[in-house]
Every structure is written in structure tokens, then in C-alpha cells.
Amino acid sequence: MYNKAFLIGRLVRDPEMRVTSSGIAVTNFTIAVDRIRRKDAEKSADFIRIVAWRRLAEICGEYLKKGKLVAVEGRLQISSYEKDGEKVYTSDIVADNLQMLDRGMPDQEMVQHSESEF
């Protein structure tokens, strides 16, 4: 079995970084990913929540901003919780690798960061 997701999209808002009670950094952000469409269809997008941990979370919190184009590689995680007596399911991508695709400086095209590097 294989659980792998690869997405390219733009951040819809600035990322939210926090530190857990055990001192581990975690950053949450959402990207908008365009849907493939026919010529006559309206443009639409999916909004996908991303979670980054540890050093990758710190990098995301420091360098990512609303509107930034990123490529995210990770795994799909489905969770659930109870709210008002009903079970609610959530879907997130847990990031393993991240590439910032926007040009930041004239001589810097892409910056790649991986959880395994840290």
C-alpha cells in the first residue's frame, strides 16, 4: 500500500506556526489547487490543508506568506472528532517535502526543503 500526495498551489493565507507542549514545531496552512477543467467550464479550485512538523514547520512559518506558490509532497491523513454529538471527519496533507516555486531573488529560482534533511 502507498499513501503519497503531490500538490502545487498558492497559500490562501499566512501560515500559523505553534509549538506543542513537548517543544515540537507544527505549522498549518492551506493551499488553493486549481481543478482541471473543460474549455466551457468555470474556473474552480480545491482548498487543501497542509501540516508540517519540526524543522520543516519552522521553515514554513518563517518563509511562506499568503499568495506564495509551493509544491508539497506528503501523505494524506484522515482524522475525526466529535462535535455536538456528531462525528466530523477532516483531511490533511502531512508534508514531507516542500519547494517554494515563486522567484524570491533574481538568481534564486527554487528552494527545496525536506523533512528528512533535518
PDB file of N, CA and C in Angstrom:
ATOM      1  N   MET A   1       0.838  -1.181   0.000  1.00  0.00           N
ATOM      2  CA  MET A   1       0.000   0.000   0.000  1.00  0.00           C
ATOM      3  C   MET A   1       0.879   1.240   0.000  1.00  0.00           C
ATOM      4  N   TYR A   2       0.338   2.309  -0.572  1.00  0.00           N
ATOM      5  CA  TYR A   2       1.141   3.501  -0.786  1.00  0.00           C
ATOM      6  C   TYR A   2       0.277   4.742  -0.576  1.00  0.00           C
ATOM      7  N   ASN A   3       0.716   5.637   0.265  1.00  0.00           N
ATOM      8  CA  ASN A   3      -0.032   6.860   0.556  1.00  0.00           C
ATOM      9  C   ASN A   3       0.886   8.036   0.260  1.00  0.00           C
ATOM     10  N   LYS A   4       0.737   8.648  -0.907  1.00  0.00           N
ATOM     11  CA  LYS A   4       1.605   9.750  -1.319  1.00  0.00           C
ATOM     12  C   LYS A   4       0.773  10.780  -2.070  1.00  0.00           C
ATOM     13  N   ALA A   5       0.986  12.039  -1.741  1.00  0.00           N
ATOM     14  CA  ALA A   5       0.293  13.134  -2.421  1.00  0.00           C
ATOM     15  C   ALA A   5       1.325  14.152  -2.878  1.00  0.00           C
ATOM     16  N   PHE A   6       1.117  14.709  -4.066  1.00  0.00           N
ATOM     17  CA  PHE A   6       1.983  15.757  -4.594  1.00  0.00           C
ATOM     18  C   PHE A   6       1.074  16.850  -5.135  1.00  0.00           C
ATOM     19  N   LEU A   7       1.171  18.056  -4.554  1.00  0.00           N
ATOM     20  CA  LEU A   7       0.278  19.156  -4.907  1.00  0.00           C
ATOM     21  C   LEU A   7       1.070  20.422  -5.199  1.00  0.00           C
ATOM     22  N   ILE A   8       0.557  21.228  -6.116  1.00  0.00           N
ATOM     23  CA  ILE A   8       1.118  22.554  -6.381  1.00  0.00           C
ATOM     24  C   ILE A   8      -0.024  23.543  -6.250  1.00  0.00           C
ATOM     25  N   GLY A   9       0.190  24.572  -5.417  1.00  0.00           N
ATOM     26  CA  GLY A   9      -0.850  25.571  -5.223  1.00  0.00           C
ATOM     27  C   GLY A   9      -0.320  26.798  -4.514  1.00  0.00           C
ATOM     28  N   ARG A  10      -1.202  27.763  -4.329  1.00  0.00           N
ATOM     29  CA  ARG A  10      -0.843  29.015  -3.660  1.00  0.00           C
ATOM     30  C   ARG A  10      -1.474  29.076  -2.270  1.00  0.00           C
ATOM     31  N   LEU A  11      -0.715  29.608  -1.312  1.00  0.00           N
ATOM     32  CA  LEU A  11      -1.221  29.774   0.045  1.00  0.00           C
ATOM     33  C   LEU A  11      -2.380  30.764   0.036  1.00  0.00           C
ATOM     34  N   VAL A  12      -3.467  30.416   0.720  1.00  0.00           N
ATOM     35  CA  VAL A  12      -4.629  31.297   0.766  1.00  0.00           C
ATOM     36  C   VAL A  12      -4.552  32.295   1.922  1.00  0.00           C
ATOM     37  N   ARG A  13      -3.668  32.024   2.884  1.00  0.00           N
ATOM     38  CA  ARG A  13      -3.421  32.962   3.992  1.00  0.00           C
ATOM     39  C   ARG A  13      -2.046  32.638   4.567  1.00  0.00           C
ATOM     40  N   ASP A  14      -1.541  33.505   5.410  1.00  0.00           N
ATOM     41  CA  ASP A  14      -0.247  33.261   6.054  1.00  0.00           C
ATOM     42  C   ASP A  14      -0.334  31.996   6.910  1.00  0.00           C
ATOM     43  N   PRO A  15       0.754  31.225   6.977  1.00  0.00           N
ATOM     44  CA  PRO A  15       0.744  30.012   7.803  1.00  0.00           C
ATOM     45  C   PRO A  15       0.662  30.332   9.290  1.00  0.00           C
ATOM     46  N   GLU A  16       0.151  29.382  10.060  1.00  0.00           N
ATOM     47  CA  GLU A  16       0.052  29.513  11.517  1.00  0.00           C
ATOM     48  C   GLU A  16       1.012  28.508  12.145  1.00  0.00           C
ATOM     49  N   MET A  17       2.040  29.018  12.826  1.00  0.00           N
ATOM     50  CA  MET A  17       3.013  28.146  13.468  1.00  0.00           C
ATOM     51  C   MET A  17       2.812  28.184  14.971  1.00  0.00           C
ATOM     52  N   ARG A  18       2.974  27.022  15.602  1.00  0.00           N
ATOM     53  CA  ARG A  18       2.915  26.939  17.051  1.00  0.00           C
ATOM     54  C   ARG A  18       3.894  25.861  17.497  1.00  0.00           C
ATOM     55  N   VAL A  19       4.086  25.780  18.797  1.00  0.00           N
ATOM     56  CA  VAL A  19       4.958  24.765  19.373  1.00  0.00           C
ATOM     57  C   VAL A  19       4.125  23.931  20.333  1.00  0.00           C
ATOM     58  N   THR A  20       4.217  22.608  20.216  1.00  0.00           N
ATOM     59  CA  THR A  20       3.456  21.728  21.094  1.00  0.00           C
ATOM     60  C   THR A  20       4.014  21.799  22.514  1.00  0.00           C
ATOM     61  N   SER A  21       3.296  21.232  23.457  1.00  0.00           N
ATOM     62  CA  SER A  21       3.754  21.237  24.850  1.00  0.00           C
ATOM     63  C   SER A  21       5.058  20.470  25.029  1.00  0.00           C
ATOM     64  N   SER A  22       5.368  19.566  24.098  1.00  0.00           N
ATOM     65  CA  SER A  22       6.630  18.824  24.158  1.00  0.00           C
ATOM     66  C   SER A  22       7.747  19.511  23.367  1.00  0.00           C
ATOM     67  N   GLY A  23       7.481  20.738  22.871  1.00  0.00           N
ATOM     68  CA  GLY A  23       8.520  21.522  22.210  1.00  0.00           C
ATOM     69  C   GLY A  23       8.707  21.263  20.730  1.00  0.00           C
ATOM     70  N   ILE A  24       7.752  20.609  20.077  1.00  0.00           N
ATOM     71  CA  ILE A  24       7.865  20.309  18.646  1.00  0.00           C
ATOM     72  C   ILE A  24       7.093  21.363  17.855  1.00  0.00           C
ATOM     73  N   ALA A  25       7.748  21.928  16.839  1.00  0.00           N
ATOM     74  CA  ALA A  25       7.112  22.945  15.993  1.00  0.00           C
ATOM     75  C   ALA A  25       6.132  22.283  15.021  1.00  0.00           C
ATOM     76  N   VAL A  26       4.974  22.928  14.853  1.00  0.00           N
ATOM     77  CA  VAL A  26       3.978  22.479  13.878  1.00  0.00           C
ATOM     78  C   VAL A  26       3.399  23.713  13.194  1.00  0.00           C
ATOM     79  N   THR A  27       3.301  23.657  11.868  1.00  0.00           N
ATOM     80  CA  THR A  27       2.760  24.773  11.094  1.00  0.00           C
ATOM     81  C   THR A  27       1.613  24.266  10.235  1.00  0.00           C
ATOM     82  N   ASN A  28       0.514  25.004  10.222  1.00  0.00           N
ATOM     83  CA  ASN A  28      -0.656  24.686   9.407  1.00  0.00           C
ATOM     84  C   ASN A  28      -0.861  25.793   8.384  1.00  0.00           C
ATOM     85  N   PHE A  29      -1.184  25.396   7.166  1.00  0.00           N
ATOM     86  CA  PHE A  29      -1.548  26.365   6.139  1.00  0.00           C
ATOM     87  C   PHE A  29      -2.435  25.686   5.110  1.00  0.00           C
ATOM     88  N   THR A  30      -3.099  26.478   4.297  1.00  0.00           N
ATOM     89  CA  THR A  30      -3.999  25.973   3.266  1.00  0.00           C
ATOM     90  C   THR A  30      -3.534  26.468   1.921  1.00  0.00           C
ATOM     91  N   ILE A  31      -3.564  25.565   0.924  1.00  0.00           N
ATOM     92  CA  ILE A  31      -3.236  25.976  -0.437  1.00  0.00           C
ATOM     93  C   ILE A  31      -4.458  25.796  -1.331  1.00  0.00           C
ATOM     94  N   ALA A  32      -4.555  26.651  -2.329  1.00  0.00           N
ATOM     95  CA  ALA A  32      -5.593  26.545  -3.345  1.00  0.00           C
ATOM     96  C   ALA A  32      -4.972  25.857  -4.554  1.00  0.00           C
ATOM     97  N   VAL A  33      -5.593  24.760  -4.986  1.00  0.00           N
ATOM     98  CA  VAL A  33      -5.108  23.979  -6.121  1.00  0.00           C
ATOM     99  C   VAL A  33      -6.168  24.039  -7.204  1.00  0.00           C
ATOM    100  N   ASP A  34      -5.801  24.560  -8.383  1.00  0.00           N
ATOM    101  CA  ASP A  34      -6.754  24.650  -9.489  1.00  0.00           C
ATOM    102  C   ASP A  34      -7.206  23.265  -9.925  1.00  0.00           C
ATOM    103  N   ARG A  35      -8.487  23.151 -10.236  1.00  0.00           N
ATOM    104  CA  ARG A  35      -9.026  21.913 -10.781  1.00  0.00           C
ATOM    105  C   ARG A  35      -8.830  21.909 -12.288  1.00  0.00           C
ATOM    106  N   ILE A  36      -8.649  20.718 -12.839  1.00  0.00           N
ATOM    107  CA  ILE A  36      -8.585  20.589 -14.294  1.00  0.00           C
ATOM    108  C   ILE A  36      -9.996  20.830 -14.815  1.00  0.00           C
ATOM    109  N   ARG A  37     -10.112  21.637 -15.856  1.00  0.00           N
ATOM    110  CA  ARG A  37     -11.448  21.988 -16.339  1.00  0.00           C
ATOM    111  C   ARG A  37     -11.523  21.913 -17.852  1.00  0.00           C
ATOM    112  N   ARG A  38     -12.746  21.826 -18.320  1.00  0.00           N
ATOM    113  CA  ARG A  38     -13.001  21.867 -19.756  1.00  0.00           C
ATOM    114  C   ARG A  38     -13.000  23.324 -20.205  1.00  0.00           C
ATOM    115  N   LYS A  39     -12.940  23.545 -21.480  1.00  0.00           N
ATOM    116  CA  LYS A  39     -12.896  24.907 -22.015  1.00  0.00           C
ATOM    117  C   LYS A  39     -14.103  25.740 -21.601  1.00  0.00           C
ATOM    118  N   ASP A  40     -15.285  25.148 -21.573  1.00  0.00           N
ATOM    119  CA  ASP A  40     -16.500  25.903 -21.287  1.00  0.00           C
ATOM    120  C   ASP A  40     -16.849  25.963 -19.799  1.00  0.00           C
ATOM    121  N   ALA A  41     -16.077  25.308 -18.954  1.00  0.00           N
ATOM    122  CA  ALA A  41     -16.384  25.280 -17.518  1.00  0.00           C
ATOM    123  C   ALA A  41     -15.763  26.481 -16.802  1.00  0.00           C
ATOM    124  N   GLU A  42     -16.380  26.835 -15.677  1.00  0.00           N
ATOM    125  CA  GLU A  42     -15.835  27.916 -14.862  1.00  0.00           C
ATOM    126  C   GLU A  42     -14.591  27.441 -14.129  1.00  0.00           C
ATOM    127  N   LYS A  43     -13.708  28.378 -13.850  1.00  0.00           N
ATOM    128  CA  LYS A  43     -12.501  28.055 -13.105  1.00  0.00           C
ATOM    129  C   LYS A  43     -12.877  27.772 -11.654  1.00  0.00           C
ATOM    130  N   SER A  44     -12.290  26.698 -11.083  1.00  0.00           N
ATOM    131  CA  SER A  44     -12.557  26.378  -9.687  1.00  0.00           C
ATOM    132  C   SER A  44     -11.285  25.816  -9.048  1.00  0.00           C
ATOM    133  N   ALA A  45     -11.295  25.767  -7.739  1.00  0.00           N
ATOM    134  CA  ALA A  45     -10.122  25.291  -7.014  1.00  0.00           C
ATOM    135  C   ALA A  45     -10.544  24.467  -5.804  1.00  0.00           C
ATOM    136  N   ASP A  46      -9.639  23.609  -5.367  1.00  0.00           N
ATOM    137  CA  ASP A  46      -9.798  22.889  -4.117  1.00  0.00           C
ATOM    138  C   ASP A  46      -8.906  23.558  -3.085  1.00  0.00           C
ATOM    139  N   PHE A  47      -9.366  23.622  -1.854  1.00  0.00           N
ATOM    140  CA  PHE A  47      -8.593  24.227  -0.765  1.00  0.00           C
ATOM    141  C   PHE A  47      -8.154  23.100   0.158  1.00  0.00           C
ATOM    142  N   ILE A  48      -6.851  22.876   0.212  1.00  0.00           N
ATOM    143  CA  ILE A  48      -6.304  21.711   0.892  1.00  0.00           C
ATOM    144  C   ILE A  48      -5.422  22.145   2.051  1.00  0.00           C
ATOM    145  N   ARG A  49      -5.727  21.566   3.220  1.00  0.00           N
ATOM    146  CA  ARG A  49      -4.969  21.904   4.428  1.00  0.00           C
ATOM    147  C   ARG A  49      -3.678  21.096   4.471  1.00  0.00           C
ATOM    148  N   ILE A  50      -2.595  21.778   4.841  1.00  0.00           N
ATOM    149  CA  ILE A  50      -1.273  21.170   4.930  1.00  0.00           C
ATOM    150  C   ILE A  50      -0.775  21.308   6.364  1.00  0.00           C
ATOM    151  N   VAL A  51      -0.113  20.262   6.864  1.00  0.00           N
ATOM    152  CA  VAL A  51       0.502  20.280   8.198  1.00  0.00           C
ATOM    153  C   VAL A  51       1.975  19.922   8.030  1.00  0.00           C
ATOM    154  N   ALA A  52       2.844  20.754   8.579  1.00  0.00           N
ATOM    155  CA  ALA A  52       4.292  20.488   8.559  1.00  0.00           C
ATOM    156  C   ALA A  52       4.786  20.404   9.997  1.00  0.00           C
ATOM    157  N   TRP A  53       5.740  19.524  10.249  1.00  0.00           N
ATOM    158  CA  TRP A  53       6.274  19.298  11.586  1.00  0.00           C
ATOM    159  C   TRP A  53       7.763  19.587  11.644  1.00  0.00           C
ATOM    160  N   ARG A  54       8.246  19.877  12.846  1.00  0.00           N
ATOM    161  CA  ARG A  54       9.660  20.034  13.214  1.00  0.00           C
ATOM    162  C   ARG A  54      10.339  21.125  12.374  1.00  0.00           C
ATOM    163  N   ARG A  55      11.502  20.839  11.822  1.00  0.00           N
ATOM    164  CA  ARG A  55      12.271  21.874  11.114  1.00  0.00           C
ATOM    165  C   ARG A  55      11.538  22.384   9.874  1.00  0.00           C
ATOM    166  N   LEU A  56      10.845  21.487   9.180  1.00  0.00           N
ATOM    167  CA  LEU A  56      10.069  21.916   8.019  1.00  0.00           C
ATOM    168  C   LEU A  56       8.986  22.910   8.442  1.00  0.00           C
ATOM    169  N   ALA A  57       8.388  22.697   9.608  1.00  0.00           N
ATOM    170  CA  ALA A  57       7.385  23.623  10.137  1.00  0.00           C
ATOM    171  C   ALA A  57       8.001  24.996  10.410  1.00  0.00           C
ATOM    172  N   GLU A  58       9.200  25.017  10.954  1.00  0.00           N
ATOM    173  CA  GLU A  58       9.882  26.285  11.230  1.00  0.00           C
ATOM    174  C   GLU A  58      10.178  27.036   9.935  1.00  0.00           C
ATOM    175  N   ILE A  59      10.622  26.323   8.917  1.00  0.00           N
ATOM    176  CA  ILE A  59      10.914  26.947   7.618  1.00  0.00           C
ATOM    177  C   ILE A  59       9.635  27.508   7.010  1.00  0.00           C
ATOM    178  N   CYS A  60       8.553  26.743   7.061  1.00  0.00           N
ATOM    179  CA  CYS A  60       7.270  27.208   6.521  1.00  0.00           C
ATOM    180  C   CYS A  60       6.793  28.460   7.254  1.00  0.00           C
ATOM    181  N   GLY A  61       6.899  28.448   8.570  1.00  0.00           N
ATOM    182  CA  GLY A  61       6.470  29.598   9.357  1.00  0.00           C
ATOM    183  C   GLY A  61       7.286  30.840   9.073  1.00  0.00           C
ATOM    184  N   GLU A  62       8.548  30.657   8.741  1.00  0.00           N
ATOM    185  CA  GLU A  62       9.433  31.795   8.503  1.00  0.00           C
ATOM    186  C   GLU A  62       9.353  32.347   7.081  1.00  0.00           C
ATOM    187  N   TYR A  63       9.254  31.478   6.080  1.00  0.00           N
ATOM    188  CA  TYR A  63       9.393  31.921   4.689  1.00  0.00           C
ATOM    189  C   TYR A  63       8.099  31.974   3.884  1.00  0.00           C
ATOM    190  N   LEU A  64       7.070  31.246   4.284  1.00  0.00           N
ATOM    191  CA  LEU A  64       5.848  31.235   3.487  1.00  0.00           C
ATOM    192  C   LEU A  64       4.931  32.391   3.867  1.00  0.00           C
ATOM    193  N   LYS A  65       4.283  32.941   2.861  1.00  0.00           N
ATOM    194  CA  LYS A  65       3.322  34.028   3.037  1.00  0.00           C
ATOM    195  C   LYS A  65       2.141  33.783   2.102  1.00  0.00           C
ATOM    196  N   LYS A  66       1.053  34.467   2.362  1.00  0.00           N
ATOM    197  CA  LYS A  66      -0.136  34.386   1.522  1.00  0.00           C
ATOM    198  C   LYS A  66       0.237  34.660   0.061  1.00  0.00           C
ATOM    199  N   GLY A  67      -0.268  33.828  -0.848  1.00  0.00           N
ATOM    200  CA  GLY A  67      -0.025  34.011  -2.268  1.00  0.00           C
ATOM    201  C   GLY A  67       1.196  33.278  -2.804  1.00  0.00           C
ATOM    202  N   LYS A  68       2.040  32.761  -1.940  1.00  0.00           N
ATOM    203  CA  LYS A  68       3.263  32.071  -2.347  1.00  0.00           C
ATOM    204  C   LYS A  68       2.921  30.756  -3.046  1.00  0.00           C
ATOM    205  N   LEU A  69       3.566  30.492  -4.181  1.00  0.00           N
ATOM    206  CA  LEU A  69       3.373  29.259  -4.926  1.00  0.00           C
ATOM    207  C   LEU A  69       4.313  28.190  -4.379  1.00  0.00           C
ATOM    208  N   VAL A  70       3.750  27.038  -3.987  1.00  0.00           N
ATOM    209  CA  VAL A  70       4.553  25.957  -3.395  1.00  0.00           C
ATOM    210  C   VAL A  70       4.166  24.615  -3.996  1.00  0.00           C
ATOM    211  N   ALA A  71       5.134  23.704  -3.983  1.00  0.00           N
ATOM    212  CA  ALA A  71       4.896  22.301  -4.293  1.00  0.00           C
ATOM    213  C   ALA A  71       5.068  21.539  -2.988  1.00  0.00           C
ATOM    214  N   VAL A  72       4.078  20.736  -2.647  1.00  0.00           N
ATOM    215  CA  VAL A  72       4.099  19.987  -1.393  1.00  0.00           C
ATOM    216  C   VAL A  72       4.020  18.501  -1.709  1.00  0.00           C
ATOM    217  N   GLU A  73       4.914  17.740  -1.090  1.00  0.00           N
ATOM    218  CA  GLU A  73       4.881  16.286  -1.198  1.00  0.00           C
ATOM    219  C   GLU A  73       4.653  15.738   0.207  1.00  0.00           C
ATOM    220  N   GLY A  74       3.717  14.818   0.332  1.00  0.00           N
ATOM    221  CA  GLY A  74       3.429  14.284   1.651  1.00  0.00           C
ATOM    222  C   GLY A  74       2.458  13.137   1.587  1.00  0.00           C
ATOM    223  N   ARG A  75       1.763  12.915   2.706  1.00  0.00           N
ATOM    224  CA  ARG A  75       0.804  11.815   2.777  1.00  0.00           C
ATOM    225  C   ARG A  75      -0.558  12.340   3.239  1.00  0.00           C
ATOM    226  N   LEU A  76      -1.607  11.686   2.792  1.00  0.00           N
ATOM    227  CA  LEU A  76      -2.965  12.038   3.181  1.00  0.00           C
ATOM    228  C   LEU A  76      -3.262  11.451   4.552  1.00  0.00           C
ATOM    229  N   GLN A  77      -3.818  12.288   5.435  1.00  0.00           N
ATOM    230  CA  GLN A  77      -4.187  11.833   6.777  1.00  0.00           C
ATOM    231  C   GLN A  77      -5.646  12.202   7.034  1.00  0.00           C
ATOM    232  N   ILE A  78      -6.458  11.201   7.359  1.00  0.00           N
ATOM    233  CA  ILE A  78      -7.868  11.409   7.667  1.00  0.00           C
ATOM    234  C   ILE A  78      -8.034  11.270   9.179  1.00  0.00           C
ATOM    235  N   SER A  79      -8.653  12.262   9.816  1.00  0.00           N
ATOM    236  CA  SER A  79      -8.883  12.249  11.260  1.00  0.00           C
ATOM    237  C   SER A  79     -10.362  12.497  11.523  1.00  0.00           C
ATOM    238  N   SER A  80     -10.777  12.230  12.750  1.00  0.00           N
ATOM    239  CA  SER A  80     -12.163  12.505  13.114  1.00  0.00           C
ATOM    240  C   SER A  80     -12.229  12.972  14.563  1.00  0.00           C
ATOM    241  N   TYR A  81     -13.314  13.683  14.867  1.00  0.00           N
ATOM    242  CA  TYR A  81     -13.578  14.140  16.227  1.00  0.00           C
ATOM    243  C   TYR A  81     -15.087  14.321  16.383  1.00  0.00           C
ATOM    244  N   GLU A  82     -15.537  14.428  17.623  1.00  0.00           N
ATOM    245  CA  GLU A  82     -16.957  14.619  17.922  1.00  0.00           C
ATOM    246  C   GLU A  82     -17.255  16.103  18.110  1.00  0.00           C
ATOM    247  N   LYS A  83     -18.328  16.574  17.471  1.00  0.00           N
ATOM    248  CA  LYS A  83     -18.774  17.956  17.653  1.00  0.00           C
ATOM    249  C   LYS A  83     -20.301  17.937  17.733  1.00  0.00           C
ATOM    250  N   ASP A  84     -20.823  18.401  18.852  1.00  0.00           N
ATOM    251  CA  ASP A  84     -22.273  18.424  19.090  1.00  0.00           C
ATOM    252  C   ASP A  84     -22.900  17.051  18.869  1.00  0.00           C
ATOM    253  N   GLY A  85     -22.202  16.006  19.300  1.00  0.00           N
ATOM    254  CA  GLY A  85     -22.727  14.655  19.200  1.00  0.00           C
ATOM    255  C   GLY A  85     -22.581  14.005  17.837  1.00  0.00           C
ATOM    256  N   GLU A  86     -22.001  14.715  16.874  1.00  0.00           N
ATOM    257  CA  GLU A  86     -21.812  14.157  15.536  1.00  0.00           C
ATOM    258  C   GLU A  86     -20.331  13.983  15.248  1.00  0.00           C
ATOM    259  N   LYS A  87     -20.013  12.942  14.499  1.00  0.00           N
ATOM    260  CA  LYS A  87     -18.637  12.678  14.125  1.00  0.00           C
ATOM    261  C   LYS A  87     -18.275  13.531  12.896  1.00  0.00           C
ATOM    262  N   VAL A  88     -17.165  14.282  12.997  1.00  0.00           N
ATOM    263  CA  VAL A  88     -16.702  15.140  11.916  1.00  0.00           C
ATOM    264  C   VAL A  88     -15.364  14.592  11.422  1.00  0.00           C
ATOM    265  N   TYR A  89     -15.240  14.452  10.109  1.00  0.00           N
ATOM    266  CA  TYR A  89     -14.000  13.951   9.512  1.00  0.00           C
ATOM    267  C   TYR A  89     -13.222  15.100   8.883  1.00  0.00           C
ATOM    268  N   THR A  90     -11.899  15.060   9.011  1.00  0.00           N
ATOM    269  CA  THR A  90     -11.039  16.066   8.405  1.00  0.00           C
ATOM    270  C   THR A  90      -9.975  15.373   7.561  1.00  0.00           C
ATOM    271  N   SER A  91      -9.530  16.045   6.520  1.00  0.00           N
ATOM    272  CA  SER A  91      -8.473  15.542   5.646  1.00  0.00           C
ATOM    273  C   SER A  91      -7.349  16.562   5.602  1.00  0.00           C
ATOM    274  N   ASP A  92      -6.123  16.108   5.806  1.00  0.00           N
ATOM    275  CA  ASP A  92      -4.945  16.970   5.755  1.00  0.00           C
ATOM    276  C   ASP A  92      -3.848  16.264   4.978  1.00  0.00           C
ATOM    277  N   ILE A  93      -2.945  17.044   4.433  1.00  0.00           N
ATOM    278  CA  ILE A  93      -1.715  16.503   3.868  1.00  0.00           C
ATOM    279  C   ILE A  93      -0.616  16.781   4.886  1.00  0.00           C
ATOM    280  N   VAL A  94       0.064  15.736   5.339  1.00  0.00           N
ATOM    281  CA  VAL A  94       1.210  15.888   6.237  1.00  0.00           C
ATOM    282  C   VAL A  94       2.441  15.993   5.345  1.00  0.00           C
ATOM    283  N   ALA A  95       3.060  17.168   5.331  1.00  0.00           N
ATOM    284  CA  ALA A  95       4.153  17.457   4.397  1.00  0.00           C
ATOM    285  C   ALA A  95       5.439  16.747   4.786  1.00  0.00           C
ATOM    286  N   ASP A  96       6.078  16.145   3.788  1.00  0.00           N
ATOM    287  CA  ASP A  96       7.417  15.567   3.940  1.00  0.00           C
ATOM    288  C   ASP A  96       8.458  16.446   3.255  1.00  0.00           C
ATOM    289  N   ASN A  97       8.083  17.001   2.111  1.00  0.00           N
ATOM    290  CA  ASN A  97       8.972  17.869   1.330  1.00  0.00           C
ATOM    291  C   ASN A  97       8.187  19.085   0.865  1.00  0.00           C
ATOM    292  N   LEU A  98       8.900  20.184   0.661  1.00  0.00           N
ATOM    293  CA  LEU A  98       8.270  21.417   0.201  1.00  0.00           C
ATOM    294  C   LEU A  98       9.234  22.161  -0.704  1.00  0.00           C
ATOM    295  N   GLN A  99       8.724  22.655  -1.817  1.00  0.00           N
ATOM    296  CA  GLN A  99       9.508  23.512  -2.703  1.00  0.00           C
ATOM    297  C   GLN A  99       8.770  24.833  -2.850  1.00  0.00           C
ATOM    298  N   MET A 100       9.491  25.929  -2.668  1.00  0.00           N
ATOM    299  CA  MET A 100       8.946  27.254  -2.928  1.00  0.00           C
ATOM    300  C   MET A 100       9.215  27.550  -4.397  1.00  0.00           C
ATOM    301  N   LEU A 101       8.157  27.755  -5.166  1.00  0.00           N
ATOM    302  CA  LEU A 101       8.298  27.869  -6.617  1.00  0.00           C
ATOM    303  C   LEU A 101       8.356  29.307  -7.115  1.00  0.00           C
ATOM    304  N   ASP A 102       7.909  30.259  -6.325  1.00  0.00           N
ATOM    305  CA  ASP A 102       7.995  31.665  -6.732  1.00  0.00           C
ATOM    306  C   ASP A 102       9.444  32.115  -6.712  1.00  0.00           C
ATOM    307  N   ARG A 103       9.746  33.032  -7.581  1.00  0.00           N
ATOM    308  CA  ARG A 103      11.079  33.616  -7.565  1.00  0.00           C
ATOM    309  C   ARG A 103      11.162  34.633  -6.443  1.00  0.00           C
ATOM    310  N   GLY A 104      12.160  34.457  -5.594  1.00  0.00           N
ATOM    311  CA  GLY A 104      12.351  35.394  -4.498  1.00  0.00           C
ATOM    312  C   GLY A 104      13.391  36.441  -4.842  1.00  0.00           C
ATOM    313  N   MET A 105      14.503  35.970  -5.414  1.00  0.00           N
ATOM    314  CA  MET A 105      15.593  36.847  -5.810  1.00  0.00           C
ATOM    315  C   MET A 105      15.941  36.487  -7.249  1.00  0.00           C
ATOM    316  N   PRO A 106      16.537  37.406  -8.017  1.00  0.00           N
ATOM    317  CA  PRO A 106      16.814  37.145  -9.421  1.00  0.00           C
ATOM    318  C   PRO A 106      17.605  35.860  -9.677  1.00  0.00           C
ATOM    319  N   ASP A 107      18.552  35.504  -8.816  1.00  0.00           N
ATOM    320  CA  ASP A 107      19.374  34.319  -9.045  1.00  0.00           C
ATOM    321  C   ASP A 107      18.868  33.087  -8.297  1.00  0.00           C
ATOM    322  N   GLN A 108      17.683  33.178  -7.697  1.00  0.00           N
ATOM    323  CA  GLN A 108      17.146  32.067  -6.922  1.00  0.00           C
ATOM    324  C   GLN A 108      15.797  31.666  -7.497  1.00  0.00           C
ATOM    325  N   GLU A 109      15.760  30.532  -8.231  1.00  0.00           N
ATOM    326  CA  GLU A 109      14.512  30.101  -8.843  1.00  0.00           C
ATOM    327  C   GLU A 109      13.693  29.227  -7.911  1.00  0.00           C
ATOM    328  N   MET A 110      14.321  28.208  -7.332  1.00  0.00           N
ATOM    329  CA  MET A 110      13.584  27.288  -6.482  1.00  0.00           C
ATOM    330  C   MET A 110      14.397  26.964  -5.242  1.00  0.00           C
ATOM    331  N   VAL A 111      13.711  26.828  -4.146  1.00  0.00           N
ATOM    332  CA  VAL A 111      14.331  26.388  -2.903  1.00  0.00           C
ATOM    333  C   VAL A 111      13.578  25.153  -2.465  1.00  0.00           C
ATOM    334  N   GLN A 112      14.297  24.071  -2.192  1.00  0.00           N
ATOM    335  CA  GLN A 112      13.655  22.828  -1.781  1.00  0.00           C
ATOM    336  C   GLN A 112      14.021  22.523  -0.348  1.00  0.00           C
ATOM    337  N   HIS A 113      13.025  22.101   0.428  1.00  0.00           N
ATOM    338  CA  HIS A 113      13.232  21.730   1.812  1.00  0.00           C
ATOM    339  C   HIS A 113      12.582  20.386   2.046  1.00  0.00           C
ATOM    340  N   SER A 114      13.253  19.541   2.803  1.00  0.00           N
ATOM    341  CA  SER A 114      12.765  18.205   3.076  1.00  0.00           C
ATOM    342  C   SER A 114      12.852  17.918   4.560  1.00  0.00           C
ATOM    343  N   GLU A 115      11.840  17.257   5.083  1.00  0.00           N
ATOM    344  CA  GLU A 115      11.846  16.868   6.493  1.00  0.00           C
ATOM    345  C   GLU A 115      13.026  15.944   6.778  1.00  0.00           C
ATOM    346  N   SER A 116      13.411  15.109   5.803  1.00  0.00           N
ATOM    347  CA  SER A 116      14.498  14.146   6.030  1.00  0.00           C
ATOM    348  C   SER A 116      15.876  14.801   6.085  1.00  0.00           C
ATOM    349  N   GLU A 117      15.999  16.038   5.637  1.00  0.00           N
ATOM    350  CA  GLU A 117      17.286  16.729   5.663  1.00  0.00           C
ATOM    351  C   GLU A 117      17.650  17.208   7.054  1.00  0.00           C
ATOM    352  N   PHE A 118      16.678  17.313   7.946  1.00  0.00           N
ATOM    353  CA  PHE A 118      16.924  17.943   9.243  1.00  0.00           C
ATOM    354  C   PHE A 118      17.018  16.941  10.345  1.00  0.00           C
TER     355      PHE A 118
END
